[in-house]
């Protein structure tokens, strides 16, 4: 379902397939565990395919967690509809959720913001 790596001190979590409704809790638990383990490293979540409503919901919950923890979070996805949905529904009260079209741009921006 997902993999992770560190790139210049940035936690990069790649979601390889959409979790669907049944996999939301597992995906949330796995990403949350990684965020807490690598905190305060910035987080970039990479979506390899257009996300369903379930995946968008998980990412919005992760964003709220990151805001509470003071962890910078970005998302990288090629899907313009997914980018628009994330930007429109992100919690404006917390840390701004930055959504990029390219992974390398998201990682470079997170690295620069954390420096």
C-alpha atoms as a PDB file:
ATOM      1  CA  UNK A   1       0.000   0.000   0.000  1.00  0.00           C
ATOM      2  CA  UNK A   2       2.808   2.441   0.824  1.00  0.00           C
ATOM      3  CA  UNK A   3       6.541   2.860   1.155  1.00  0.00           C
ATOM      4  CA  UNK A   4       8.685   5.518   2.759  1.00  0.00           C
ATOM      5  CA  UNK A   5      12.178   6.982   2.568  1.00  0.00           C
ATOM      6  CA  UNK A   6      14.175   9.961   3.776  1.00  0.00           C
ATOM      7  CA  UNK A   7      15.373  12.442   1.177  1.00  0.00           C
ATOM      8  CA  UNK A   8      17.564  15.250   2.568  1.00  0.00           C
ATOM      9  CA  UNK A   9      15.822  14.961   5.931  1.00  0.00           C
ATOM     10  CA  UNK A  10      12.334  14.983   4.401  1.00  0.00           C
ATOM     11  CA  UNK A  11      10.072  11.984   5.088  1.00  0.00           C
ATOM     12  CA  UNK A  12       8.673  10.890   1.727  1.00  0.00           C
ATOM     13  CA  UNK A  13       5.691   8.536   1.950  1.00  0.00           C
ATOM     14  CA  UNK A  14       4.500   7.070  -1.341  1.00  0.00           C
ATOM     15  CA  UNK A  15       0.966   5.711  -1.518  1.00  0.00           C
ATOM     16  CA  UNK A  16       1.134   3.092  -4.270  1.00  0.00           C
ATOM     17  CA  UNK A  17      -2.569   2.299  -4.452  1.00  0.00           C
ATOM     18  CA  UNK A  18      -5.721   3.928  -3.249  1.00  0.00           C
ATOM     19  CA  UNK A  19      -6.887   2.388   0.025  1.00  0.00           C
ATOM     20  CA  UNK A  20     -10.579   2.488  -0.796  1.00  0.00           C
ATOM     21  CA  UNK A  21     -13.103   2.857   1.980  1.00  0.00           C
ATOM     22  CA  UNK A  22     -12.009  -0.370   3.687  1.00  0.00           C
ATOM     23  CA  UNK A  23      -8.331   0.590   3.852  1.00  0.00           C
ATOM     24  CA  UNK A  24      -8.653   4.134   5.176  1.00  0.00           C
ATOM     25  CA  UNK A  25      -7.980   3.260   8.808  1.00  0.00           C
ATOM     26  CA  UNK A  26      -4.899   1.211   7.982  1.00  0.00           C
ATOM     27  CA  UNK A  27      -3.454   3.916   5.748  1.00  0.00           C
ATOM     28  CA  UNK A  28      -4.093   6.585   8.378  1.00  0.00           C
ATOM     29  CA  UNK A  29      -2.477   4.452  11.087  1.00  0.00           C
ATOM     30  CA  UNK A  30       0.601   3.710   8.989  1.00  0.00           C
ATOM     31  CA  UNK A  31       1.190   7.319   7.932  1.00  0.00           C
ATOM     32  CA  UNK A  32       0.526   8.599  11.455  1.00  0.00           C
ATOM     33  CA  UNK A  33       3.073   6.153  12.858  1.00  0.00           C
ATOM     34  CA  UNK A  34       5.692   7.340  10.379  1.00  0.00           C
ATOM     35  CA  UNK A  35       5.002  11.012  11.107  1.00  0.00           C
ATOM     36  CA  UNK A  36       5.403  10.425  14.829  1.00  0.00           C
ATOM     37  CA  UNK A  37       8.543   8.300  14.371  1.00  0.00           C
ATOM     38  CA  UNK A  38      10.333  10.809  12.120  1.00  0.00           C
ATOM     39  CA  UNK A  39       9.064  13.993  13.748  1.00  0.00           C
ATOM     40  CA  UNK A  40      10.073  16.844  13.301  1.00  0.00           C
ATOM     41  CA  UNK A  41      11.048  15.907   9.707  1.00  0.00           C
ATOM     42  CA  UNK A  42       8.790  17.509   7.095  1.00  0.00           C
ATOM     43  CA  UNK A  43       6.402  15.107   5.342  1.00  0.00           C
ATOM     44  CA  UNK A  44       5.767  14.752   1.625  1.00  0.00           C
ATOM     45  CA  UNK A  45       3.029  12.313   0.625  1.00  0.00           C
ATOM     46  CA  UNK A  46       3.243  11.130  -2.974  1.00  0.00           C
ATOM     47  CA  UNK A  47       0.110   9.825  -4.660  1.00  0.00           C
ATOM     48  CA  UNK A  48       0.913   7.660  -7.659  1.00  0.00           C
ATOM     49  CA  UNK A  49      -2.629   7.631  -9.020  1.00  0.00           C
ATOM     50  CA  UNK A  50      -5.658   9.896  -8.828  1.00  0.00           C
ATOM     51  CA  UNK A  51      -7.050   9.670  -5.317  1.00  0.00           C
ATOM     52  CA  UNK A  52     -10.546   8.679  -4.357  1.00  0.00           C
ATOM     53  CA  UNK A  53     -12.540  10.490  -1.707  1.00  0.00           C
ATOM     54  CA  UNK A  54     -11.223   7.951   0.832  1.00  0.00           C
ATOM     55  CA  UNK A  55      -7.565   8.807   0.184  1.00  0.00           C
ATOM     56  CA  UNK A  56      -8.250  12.551   0.183  1.00  0.00           C
ATOM     57  CA  UNK A  57      -9.990  12.181   3.536  1.00  0.00           C
ATOM     58  CA  UNK A  58      -7.012  10.334   5.005  1.00  0.00           C
ATOM     59  CA  UNK A  59      -4.589  12.994   3.791  1.00  0.00           C
ATOM     60  CA  UNK A  60      -6.718  15.764   5.264  1.00  0.00           C
ATOM     61  CA  UNK A  61      -6.682  13.980   8.637  1.00  0.00           C
ATOM     62  CA  UNK A  62      -2.899  13.556   8.403  1.00  0.00           C
ATOM     63  CA  UNK A  63      -2.640  17.277   7.612  1.00  0.00           C
ATOM     64  CA  UNK A  64      -4.572  18.156  10.784  1.00  0.00           C
ATOM     65  CA  UNK A  65      -2.249  15.897  12.805  1.00  0.00           C
ATOM     66  CA  UNK A  66       0.831  17.496  11.240  1.00  0.00           C
ATOM     67  CA  UNK A  67      -0.529  20.960  12.012  1.00  0.00           C
ATOM     68  CA  UNK A  68      -0.993  20.024  15.676  1.00  0.00           C
ATOM     69  CA  UNK A  69       2.530  18.554  15.834  1.00  0.00           C
ATOM     70  CA  UNK A  70       4.164  21.473  14.001  1.00  0.00           C
ATOM     71  CA  UNK A  71       5.269  19.218  11.120  1.00  0.00           C
ATOM     72  CA  UNK A  72       5.322  20.699   7.614  1.00  0.00           C
ATOM     73  CA  UNK A  73       3.288  18.607   5.165  1.00  0.00           C
ATOM     74  CA  UNK A  74       3.099  18.612   1.385  1.00  0.00           C
ATOM     75  CA  UNK A  75       1.421  16.378  -1.158  1.00  0.00           C
ATOM     76  CA  UNK A  76       2.674  15.542  -4.639  1.00  0.00           C
ATOM     77  CA  UNK A  77       0.243  14.212  -7.238  1.00  0.00           C
ATOM     78  CA  UNK A  78      -0.041  14.429 -11.016  1.00  0.00           C
ATOM     79  CA  UNK A  79      -3.843  14.532 -10.741  1.00  0.00           C
ATOM     80  CA  UNK A  80      -5.150  18.081 -11.054  1.00  0.00           C
ATOM     81  CA  UNK A  81      -8.592  17.155  -9.631  1.00  0.00           C
ATOM     82  CA  UNK A  82      -6.909  15.615  -6.573  1.00  0.00           C
ATOM     83  CA  UNK A  83      -4.732  18.707  -6.105  1.00  0.00           C
ATOM     84  CA  UNK A  84      -7.792  20.953  -6.302  1.00  0.00           C
ATOM     85  CA  UNK A  85      -9.751  18.807  -3.825  1.00  0.00           C
ATOM     86  CA  UNK A  86      -6.904  18.832  -1.296  1.00  0.00           C
ATOM     87  CA  UNK A  87      -6.355  22.572  -1.587  1.00  0.00           C
ATOM     88  CA  UNK A  88     -10.081  23.337  -1.308  1.00  0.00           C
ATOM     89  CA  UNK A  89     -10.705  21.124   1.721  1.00  0.00           C
ATOM     90  CA  UNK A  90      -7.512  21.639   3.738  1.00  0.00           C
ATOM     91  CA  UNK A  91      -7.969  23.069   7.216  1.00  0.00           C
ATOM     92  CA  UNK A  92      -7.167  26.795   6.942  1.00  0.00           C
ATOM     93  CA  UNK A  93      -6.618  27.093  10.709  1.00  0.00           C
ATOM     94  CA  UNK A  94      -3.478  24.951  10.700  1.00  0.00           C
ATOM     95  CA  UNK A  95      -0.237  24.921   8.791  1.00  0.00           C
ATOM     96  CA  UNK A  96      -0.866  25.480   5.090  1.00  0.00           C
ATOM     97  CA  UNK A  97      -1.087  22.278   3.042  1.00  0.00           C
ATOM     98  CA  UNK A  98       1.088  22.721  -0.030  1.00  0.00           C
ATOM     99  CA  UNK A  99       0.160  20.559  -3.020  1.00  0.00           C
ATOM    100  CA  UNK A 100       2.598  20.044  -5.898  1.00  0.00           C
ATOM    101  CA  UNK A 101       2.380  18.340  -9.271  1.00  0.00           C
ATOM    102  CA  UNK A 102       5.914  16.908  -9.021  1.00  0.00           C
ATOM    103  CA  UNK A 103       7.614  14.944  -6.268  1.00  0.00           C
ATOM    104  CA  UNK A 104      11.039  16.525  -6.739  1.00  0.00           C
ATOM    105  CA  UNK A 105       9.541  20.010  -6.382  1.00  0.00           C
ATOM    106  CA  UNK A 106       7.652  18.998  -3.228  1.00  0.00           C
ATOM    107  CA  UNK A 107      10.763  17.523  -1.601  1.00  0.00           C
ATOM    108  CA  UNK A 108      12.946  20.506  -2.530  1.00  0.00           C
ATOM    109  CA  UNK A 109      10.362  22.958  -1.168  1.00  0.00           C
ATOM    110  CA  UNK A 110       9.968  20.987   2.082  1.00  0.00           C
ATOM    111  CA  UNK A 111      13.732  20.813   2.504  1.00  0.00           C
ATOM    112  CA  UNK A 112      14.098  24.556   1.936  1.00  0.00           C
ATOM    113  CA  UNK A 113      11.220  25.400   4.290  1.00  0.00           C
ATOM    114  CA  UNK A 114      12.683  23.261   7.069  1.00  0.00           C
ATOM    115  CA  UNK A 115      16.178  24.684   6.732  1.00  0.00           C
END
